Structures are given as C-alpha cells and as structure tokens.
Amino acid sequence: MTERKRPDITFESWIERQIRVAQERGDFDNLRGAGKPIPHRSDDELWWVKDYLRREGLSTEALLPPPLQLRREVERLRDTVRDVPTEPAVRQIVREMNRRIVDCLRAPSGPLVPIHRVDPEEVVRQWATDRAELRSQRAERAAAAAAALREYTAEPPRRRWWHRVLGIRPAGT
C-alpha cells in the first residue's frame, strides 16, 4: 500500500522520492517500449482513441452519433440481408432496424440527421431478386466447373481392335 505524505514535506519531493524508490526496486525495468522514442502525435485530441481502435482492429463507426450509425446500417442493409436464408428472417431484421430508428426519432441525440423507416416489402423484394441472381451465378459457376472437370477427366479415344490389327492410326496422330 502506498504510504501517505507527511504534512511537513512538499508534494514534489514526496513524488520524486516514490519514483526513486520504485526505480531502485526495478519497477520500471523491462517495460514495453523502453528505450524507444515516444511516437509523434498530431494535434488531434482523440489520438489515443483512434490508436486504441486501430490496435484492437475496431471500426471508427463506433464513434459516430446514433443517427449516423443507423443511417450507415440502412445503407448497408441490402448487403446485410443478402445471405439470410429465409424471408421471415429478413423481415425480422428489418423490423428490428425500424424499431431502433423509431427509438432514435423519439429521443434524438447528437446532430439532427434525416432518417426514415425502412419499407420491409421493398427490402424483401430486393432480397428475393438478389437471391435469384446469386442462385443463377452459382449454377453458372457449377456448370462451368463441371464442364472443366469433364474436359479434364476425358480419356483419349481408344483404338478399336481391328484398327490395331490393320494398322490404322487414329486421326490426328
């Protein structure tokens, strides 16, 4: 436990003494970044937050106000629901997003950003179109892969027995 400062000594000398004692104990030995220069920081007040987000691999979207976060989610909704397997699941995602939008409109915080509820029918229609397109692309890729496999595994034409007996060579040899 840290000792208390006596009233007769100044804060500066008390702190310096604690630092000196800690150095003598070796508390500052082998610290990460020891002997390296302090990284240059810009004039940005939030440099430490951005550095933390970069180190942890997080997006800076978490720093946006809620209305802007919702607006970004609405813009990416098509990509979000593209791989969802069923229509009820898509409707549930849209319902949840609309609930969050309504909550944000009822109790606004941050800048006033125009944001509107999402039409579930439009999202489902777009989802169905994207799914059909995705299925056709997968079918085309599967057909192309099957054709390539057939071509790769096709055996050369076999010579018939009478060709061998009569000495007839196949065409192209």
C-alpha atoms as a PDB file:
ATOM      1  CA  MET A   1       0.000   0.000   0.000  1.00  0.00           C
ATOM      2  CA  THR A   2       1.189   3.489  -0.787  1.00  0.00           C
ATOM      3  CA  GLU A   3       2.426   5.480   2.137  1.00  0.00           C
ATOM      4  CA  ARG A   4       0.770   8.758   2.995  1.00  0.00           C
ATOM      5  CA  LYS A   5       2.502  12.089   2.511  1.00  0.00           C
ATOM      6  CA  ARG A   6       3.625  13.731   5.669  1.00  0.00           C
ATOM      7  CA  PRO A   7       2.369  17.283   6.110  1.00  0.00           C
ATOM      8  CA  ASP A   8       5.847  18.731   6.507  1.00  0.00           C
ATOM      9  CA  ILE A   9       7.150  17.698   3.021  1.00  0.00           C
ATOM     10  CA  THR A  10       6.101  19.086  -0.330  1.00  0.00           C
ATOM     11  CA  PHE A  11       4.250  17.081  -2.930  1.00  0.00           C
ATOM     12  CA  GLU A  12       7.104  17.388  -5.413  1.00  0.00           C
ATOM     13  CA  SER A  13       9.740  15.910  -3.125  1.00  0.00           C
ATOM     14  CA  TRP A  14       7.351  13.176  -1.941  1.00  0.00           C
ATOM     15  CA  ILE A  15       6.533  12.095  -5.535  1.00  0.00           C
ATOM     16  CA  GLU A  16      10.191  12.240  -6.581  1.00  0.00           C
ATOM     17  CA  ARG A  17      11.104  10.041  -3.616  1.00  0.00           C
ATOM     18  CA  GLN A  18       8.451   7.467  -4.567  1.00  0.00           C
ATOM     19  CA  ILE A  19       9.748   7.410  -8.164  1.00  0.00           C
ATOM     20  CA  ARG A  20      13.341   6.979  -6.965  1.00  0.00           C
ATOM     21  CA  VAL A  21      12.369   4.104  -4.638  1.00  0.00           C
ATOM     22  CA  ALA A  22      10.424   2.403  -7.462  1.00  0.00           C
ATOM     23  CA  GLN A  23      13.431   2.763  -9.788  1.00  0.00           C
ATOM     24  CA  GLU A  24      15.683   1.212  -7.176  1.00  0.00           C
ATOM     25  CA  ARG A  25      13.252  -1.707  -6.769  1.00  0.00           C
ATOM     26  CA  GLY A  26      13.306  -2.183 -10.576  1.00  0.00           C
ATOM     27  CA  ASP A  27       9.612  -1.491 -11.147  1.00  0.00           C
ATOM     28  CA  PHE A  28      10.389   0.369 -14.385  1.00  0.00           C
ATOM     29  CA  ASP A  29      12.736  -2.258 -15.861  1.00  0.00           C
ATOM     30  CA  ASN A  30      11.689  -4.184 -18.989  1.00  0.00           C
ATOM     31  CA  LEU A  31       8.618  -2.091 -19.724  1.00  0.00           C
ATOM     32  CA  ARG A  32       7.134  -2.299 -23.235  1.00  0.00           C
ATOM     33  CA  GLY A  33       8.591   0.456 -25.389  1.00  0.00           C
ATOM     34  CA  ALA A  34      11.556   1.087 -23.089  1.00  0.00           C
ATOM     35  CA  GLY A  35      14.386   2.849 -24.943  1.00  0.00           C
ATOM     36  CA  LYS A  36      12.143   3.766 -27.877  1.00  0.00           C
ATOM     37  CA  PRO A  37      11.140   7.326 -28.714  1.00  0.00           C
ATOM     38  CA  ILE A  38       7.645   8.447 -27.836  1.00  0.00           C
ATOM     39  CA  PRO A  39       5.557   8.276 -31.034  1.00  0.00           C
ATOM     40  CA  HIS A  40       4.763  11.649 -32.575  1.00  0.00           C
ATOM     41  CA  ARG A  41       1.145  12.539 -32.045  1.00  0.00           C
ATOM     42  CA  SER A  42      -0.736  15.024 -34.159  1.00  0.00           C
ATOM     43  CA  ASP A  43      -2.719  17.906 -32.725  1.00  0.00           C
ATOM     44  CA  ASP A  44      -5.773  15.645 -32.642  1.00  0.00           C
ATOM     45  CA  GLU A  45      -7.218  15.454 -29.143  1.00  0.00           C
ATOM     46  CA  LEU A  46      -8.609  11.958 -29.737  1.00  0.00           C
ATOM     47  CA  TRP A  47      -5.360  10.408 -30.971  1.00  0.00           C
ATOM     48  CA  TRP A  48      -5.387   7.897 -28.137  1.00  0.00           C
ATOM     49  CA  VAL A  49      -8.928   6.733 -29.019  1.00  0.00           C
ATOM     50  CA  LYS A  50      -8.020   6.283 -32.690  1.00  0.00           C
ATOM     51  CA  ASP A  51      -4.819   4.487 -31.708  1.00  0.00           C
ATOM     52  CA  TYR A  52      -6.774   2.143 -29.441  1.00  0.00           C
ATOM     53  CA  LEU A  53      -9.334   1.391 -32.181  1.00  0.00           C
ATOM     54  CA  ARG A  54      -6.543   0.700 -34.680  1.00  0.00           C
ATOM     55  CA  ARG A  55      -4.690  -1.557 -32.227  1.00  0.00           C
ATOM     56  CA  GLU A  56      -7.837  -3.525 -31.397  1.00  0.00           C
ATOM     57  CA  GLY A  57      -8.932  -3.740 -35.039  1.00  0.00           C
ATOM     58  CA  LEU A  58     -12.206  -1.904 -34.402  1.00  0.00           C
ATOM     59  CA  SER A  59     -14.085   0.391 -36.754  1.00  0.00           C
ATOM     60  CA  THR A  60     -14.276   4.123 -36.145  1.00  0.00           C
ATOM     61  CA  GLU A  61     -18.012   3.867 -36.806  1.00  0.00           C
ATOM     62  CA  ALA A  62     -18.491   3.266 -33.102  1.00  0.00           C
ATOM     63  CA  LEU A  63     -17.553   6.926 -32.563  1.00  0.00           C
ATOM     64  CA  LEU A  64     -20.398   8.213 -34.741  1.00  0.00           C
ATOM     65  CA  PRO A  65     -23.602   9.531 -33.157  1.00  0.00           C
ATOM     66  CA  PRO A  66     -26.518   7.048 -33.164  1.00  0.00           C
ATOM     67  CA  PRO A  67     -28.446   8.659 -36.068  1.00  0.00           C
ATOM     68  CA  LEU A  68     -25.413   8.431 -38.339  1.00  0.00           C
ATOM     69  CA  GLN A  69     -24.757   4.848 -37.265  1.00  0.00           C
ATOM     70  CA  LEU A  70     -28.334   3.939 -38.152  1.00  0.00           C
ATOM     71  CA  ARG A  71     -28.055   5.735 -41.481  1.00  0.00           C
ATOM     72  CA  ARG A  72     -24.961   3.689 -42.334  1.00  0.00           C
ATOM     73  CA  GLU A  73     -26.747   0.479 -41.345  1.00  0.00           C
ATOM     74  CA  VAL A  74     -29.689   1.368 -43.601  1.00  0.00           C
ATOM     75  CA  GLU A  75     -27.277   1.968 -46.494  1.00  0.00           C
ATOM     76  CA  ARG A  76     -25.697  -1.463 -45.919  1.00  0.00           C
ATOM     77  CA  LEU A  77     -28.981  -3.284 -45.305  1.00  0.00           C
ATOM     78  CA  ARG A  78     -29.009  -4.887 -48.761  1.00  0.00           C
ATOM     79  CA  ASP A  79     -25.592  -6.462 -48.129  1.00  0.00           C
ATOM     80  CA  THR A  80     -26.627  -7.457 -44.608  1.00  0.00           C
ATOM     81  CA  VAL A  81     -29.684  -9.447 -45.680  1.00  0.00           C
ATOM     82  CA  ARG A  82     -28.177 -10.907 -48.874  1.00  0.00           C
ATOM     83  CA  ASP A  83     -27.049 -14.140 -47.187  1.00  0.00           C
ATOM     84  CA  VAL A  84     -30.060 -14.517 -44.884  1.00  0.00           C
ATOM     85  CA  PRO A  85     -31.738 -17.835 -45.787  1.00  0.00           C
ATOM     86  CA  THR A  86     -35.443 -17.099 -45.227  1.00  0.00           C
ATOM     87  CA  GLU A  87     -37.929 -14.298 -45.802  1.00  0.00           C
ATOM     88  CA  PRO A  88     -39.167 -14.242 -42.168  1.00  0.00           C
ATOM     89  CA  ALA A  89     -35.575 -13.739 -41.017  1.00  0.00           C
ATOM     90  CA  VAL A  90     -35.217 -10.783 -43.418  1.00  0.00           C
ATOM     91  CA  ARG A  91     -38.465  -9.288 -42.126  1.00  0.00           C
ATOM     92  CA  GLN A  92     -37.230  -9.725 -38.534  1.00  0.00           C
ATOM     93  CA  ILE A  93     -34.007  -7.853 -39.341  1.00  0.00           C
ATOM     94  CA  VAL A  94     -35.972  -5.005 -40.940  1.00  0.00           C
ATOM     95  CA  ARG A  95     -38.436  -4.943 -38.030  1.00  0.00           C
ATOM     96  CA  GLU A  96     -35.556  -4.646 -35.536  1.00  0.00           C
ATOM     97  CA  MET A  97     -33.918  -1.881 -37.562  1.00  0.00           C
ATOM     98  CA  ASN A  98     -37.212   0.048 -37.806  1.00  0.00           C
ATOM     99  CA  ARG A  99     -37.662  -0.281 -34.035  1.00  0.00           C
ATOM    100  CA  ARG A 100     -34.220   1.223 -33.477  1.00  0.00           C
ATOM    101  CA  ILE A 101     -34.966   4.027 -35.952  1.00  0.00           C
ATOM    102  CA  VAL A 102     -38.231   4.857 -34.168  1.00  0.00           C
ATOM    103  CA  ASP A 103     -36.422   4.876 -30.803  1.00  0.00           C
ATOM    104  CA  CYS A 104     -33.837   7.254 -32.249  1.00  0.00           C
ATOM    105  CA  LEU A 105     -36.548   9.544 -33.652  1.00  0.00           C
ATOM    106  CA  ARG A 106     -38.440   9.597 -30.334  1.00  0.00           C
ATOM    107  CA  ALA A 107     -35.383  10.501 -28.269  1.00  0.00           C
ATOM    108  CA  PRO A 108     -32.923  12.215 -30.621  1.00  0.00           C
ATOM    109  CA  SER A 109     -29.330  12.612 -29.574  1.00  0.00           C
ATOM    110  CA  GLY A 110     -26.497  14.181 -31.486  1.00  0.00           C
ATOM    111  CA  PRO A 111     -26.929  16.027 -34.765  1.00  0.00           C
ATOM    112  CA  LEU A 112     -30.284  16.132 -36.500  1.00  0.00           C
ATOM    113  CA  VAL A 113     -29.895  13.682 -39.361  1.00  0.00           C
ATOM    114  CA  PRO A 114     -32.869  12.858 -41.572  1.00  0.00           C
ATOM    115  CA  ILE A 115     -33.541   9.154 -41.223  1.00  0.00           C
ATOM    116  CA  HIS A 116     -36.648   7.256 -42.235  1.00  0.00           C
ATOM    117  CA  ARG A 117     -38.072   3.835 -41.537  1.00  0.00           C
ATOM    118  CA  VAL A 118     -37.248   1.077 -43.994  1.00  0.00           C
ATOM    119  CA  ASP A 119     -40.009  -0.424 -46.155  1.00  0.00           C
ATOM    120  CA  PRO A 120     -39.958  -4.182 -45.413  1.00  0.00           C
ATOM    121  CA  GLU A 121     -41.708  -5.087 -48.682  1.00  0.00           C
ATOM    122  CA  GLU A 122     -39.047  -3.287 -50.711  1.00  0.00           C
ATOM    123  CA  VAL A 123     -36.249  -4.991 -48.770  1.00  0.00           C
ATOM    124  CA  VAL A 124     -37.866  -8.434 -49.230  1.00  0.00           C
ATOM    125  CA  ARG A 125     -38.371  -7.767 -52.946  1.00  0.00           C
ATOM    126  CA  GLN A 126     -34.738  -6.738 -53.341  1.00  0.00           C
ATOM    127  CA  TRP A 127     -33.629  -9.739 -51.254  1.00  0.00           C
ATOM    128  CA  ALA A 128     -35.569 -12.140 -53.486  1.00  0.00           C
ATOM    129  CA  THR A 129     -34.062 -10.568 -56.617  1.00  0.00           C
ATOM    130  CA  ASP A 130     -30.553 -10.780 -55.166  1.00  0.00           C
ATOM    131  CA  ARG A 131     -31.100 -14.401 -54.101  1.00  0.00           C
ATOM    132  CA  ALA A 132     -32.307 -15.396 -57.584  1.00  0.00           C
ATOM    133  CA  GLU A 133     -29.303 -13.646 -59.123  1.00  0.00           C
ATOM    134  CA  LEU A 134     -26.979 -15.355 -56.672  1.00  0.00           C
ATOM    135  CA  ARG A 135     -28.515 -18.780 -57.408  1.00  0.00           C
ATOM    136  CA  SER A 136     -28.113 -18.269 -61.173  1.00  0.00           C
ATOM    137  CA  GLN A 137     -24.477 -17.187 -60.707  1.00  0.00           C
ATOM    138  CA  ARG A 138     -23.797 -20.252 -58.552  1.00  0.00           C
ATOM    139  CA  ALA A 139     -25.470 -22.510 -61.135  1.00  0.00           C
ATOM    140  CA  GLU A 140     -23.368 -20.975 -63.931  1.00  0.00           C
ATOM    141  CA  ARG A 141     -20.180 -21.459 -61.912  1.00  0.00           C
ATOM    142  CA  ALA A 142     -21.145 -25.041 -61.075  1.00  0.00           C
ATOM    143  CA  ALA A 143     -21.878 -25.802 -64.749  1.00  0.00           C
ATOM    144  CA  ALA A 144     -18.569 -24.273 -65.816  1.00  0.00           C
ATOM    145  CA  ALA A 145     -16.721 -26.270 -63.152  1.00  0.00           C
ATOM    146  CA  ALA A 146     -18.473 -29.490 -64.213  1.00  0.00           C
ATOM    147  CA  ALA A 147     -17.608 -28.853 -67.874  1.00  0.00           C
ATOM    148  CA  ALA A 148     -13.986 -28.189 -66.952  1.00  0.00           C
ATOM    149  CA  LEU A 149     -13.903 -31.363 -64.875  1.00  0.00           C
ATOM    150  CA  ARG A 150     -15.391 -33.418 -67.718  1.00  0.00           C
ATOM    151  CA  GLU A 151     -12.846 -31.963 -70.122  1.00  0.00           C
ATOM    152  CA  TYR A 152     -10.003 -32.654 -67.726  1.00  0.00           C
ATOM    153  CA  THR A 153     -11.007 -36.235 -66.986  1.00  0.00           C
ATOM    154  CA  ALA A 154     -11.984 -37.209 -70.565  1.00  0.00           C
ATOM    155  CA  GLU A 155      -9.940 -40.132 -71.809  1.00  0.00           C
ATOM    156  CA  PRO A 156      -8.356 -40.083 -75.248  1.00  0.00           C
ATOM    157  CA  PRO A 157     -10.263 -42.155 -77.819  1.00  0.00           C
ATOM    158  CA  ARG A 158      -9.413 -45.837 -77.653  1.00  0.00           C
ATOM    159  CA  ARG A 159      -8.247 -47.666 -80.726  1.00  0.00           C
ATOM    160  CA  ARG A 160     -10.540 -50.448 -81.818  1.00  0.00           C
ATOM    161  CA  TRP A 161      -9.086 -53.938 -82.087  1.00  0.00           C
ATOM    162  CA  TRP A 162      -9.424 -54.061 -85.839  1.00  0.00           C
ATOM    163  CA  HIS A 163      -7.566 -50.752 -86.153  1.00  0.00           C
ATOM    164  CA  ARG A 164      -4.690 -52.302 -84.274  1.00  0.00           C
ATOM    165  CA  VAL A 165      -4.806 -55.424 -86.462  1.00  0.00           C
ATOM    166  CA  LEU A 166      -4.999 -53.482 -89.696  1.00  0.00           C
ATOM    167  CA  GLY A 167      -2.507 -50.849 -88.540  1.00  0.00           C
ATOM    168  CA  ILE A 168      -4.947 -47.942 -88.838  1.00  0.00           C
ATOM    169  CA  ARG A 169      -3.900 -44.928 -86.815  1.00  0.00           C
ATOM    170  CA  PRO A 170      -6.498 -42.658 -85.169  1.00  0.00           C
ATOM    171  CA  ALA A 171      -6.980 -39.221 -86.765  1.00  0.00           C
ATOM    172  CA  GLY A 172      -4.637 -36.536 -85.521  1.00  0.00           C
ATOM    173  CA  THR A 173      -1.658 -38.794 -84.691  1.00  0.00           C
END
